[in-house]
């Protein structure tokens, strides 16, 4: 199947101990996005009567869609003929939820906390997504559906930040520990198709929360947020540029070197123009929020958050919806109202060239921290982001 039709999937099945059992015949599933595990689980059940948990990506071609092979844990002995399984290697960066038995341990943790608050699970746990950035499950429970989110160590601060901000527009956190969150389901719809007015309502909440953390960087760092203020961010960008350097010709390298050298001076000038460090959400597009009509009811996905200049979030406008000039204008107006003594337009002029550089550093950080088979999701992203930075310089 192509990107319009979904994926053609094969599963390398393992038992609870991780012992390979064999490979299923190929079957087709809806949705081309490799990390969407729900269609794979449903497809295996429909095609073979087989209940599985998708653990990790093993092989894939071009993103998205196409032929994709996953490692999956069989929840009972397969009753279908299986082809011989390949040798499965061990990887030191493999995430706990990408190992056999890992998702079951996560669900047991959630079940324990649901029982403690008098809301026991009332039906099967539904696997929704799994990849190197998260494992997501929907858990039916007494009193309403809940969600279990498990993330890698570099996102482990998410529940701590939700607690620190403690605001009604954040997803209700029922239980949390580093890397695990049990969340109440939020009403409304995801905002991938949100209007500009809806997006600006979302951003009004974000600006308010960011404004509330000025002068509280020690608290943010204590909650586990990575430090991406000027010097640490510049070092991360320099590393991403160094890894990607062979992909560029001499003039591009010269332009990239100049951009890297500009990071700290630009952020210093933005601070002098009245925009101090607080937190950067990191991925504040409307798909990471829930809406009822044009009203934002929840800001989601806080794992990308770091300590740094909050104007860096504005670069998501160009990346997510380049034509949305009114969103960028409205966002700048929100910031000017929040910081009346600042020169927001001038500060944004300093920060804007850093957006793609920061994105390259983020993607390189993912690649440095995840196992090789899962790098397919991000391996072209640092160079692409740096090319955009050079083109816009």
Foldseek 3Di string as FASTA:
>chain_A
DDQQAAAWEKEQEAELQRHTDAIDDIDGFGHFAPFFCQRVQVGCCVPFVWGWAFQEWDDDDDPTHYYTYTYIYTPDDGPDDGHHGDDDDDDPLRDQSNGRPSVVVQVVVVQVLCVVVPKHFDDDWGWTGDAQAWTKIWTHIPPGIKMKIFGDQLLQLVVLVCVVLVDQQAFAFSDHDRRITITGDDDAAQCLVADLLLLLLLLLVVLVSQLVFVVPVVVVVVSPAAACAQPVVLVLLVVLCVVCVVVDDDVLNVLSVVVSVLRNVLQVVLVVLPFDKGKAQQQSDRSQFGDDRSHTRHGHDRSRMHIYGHLLNLLNCCVSPVVPPVNSVSSLVSNCVSGVSGPSVSSNVSNNLCNLSSFLSVLVVSVVNHDDSSNSVRVCRNVVSSVVSSVVD
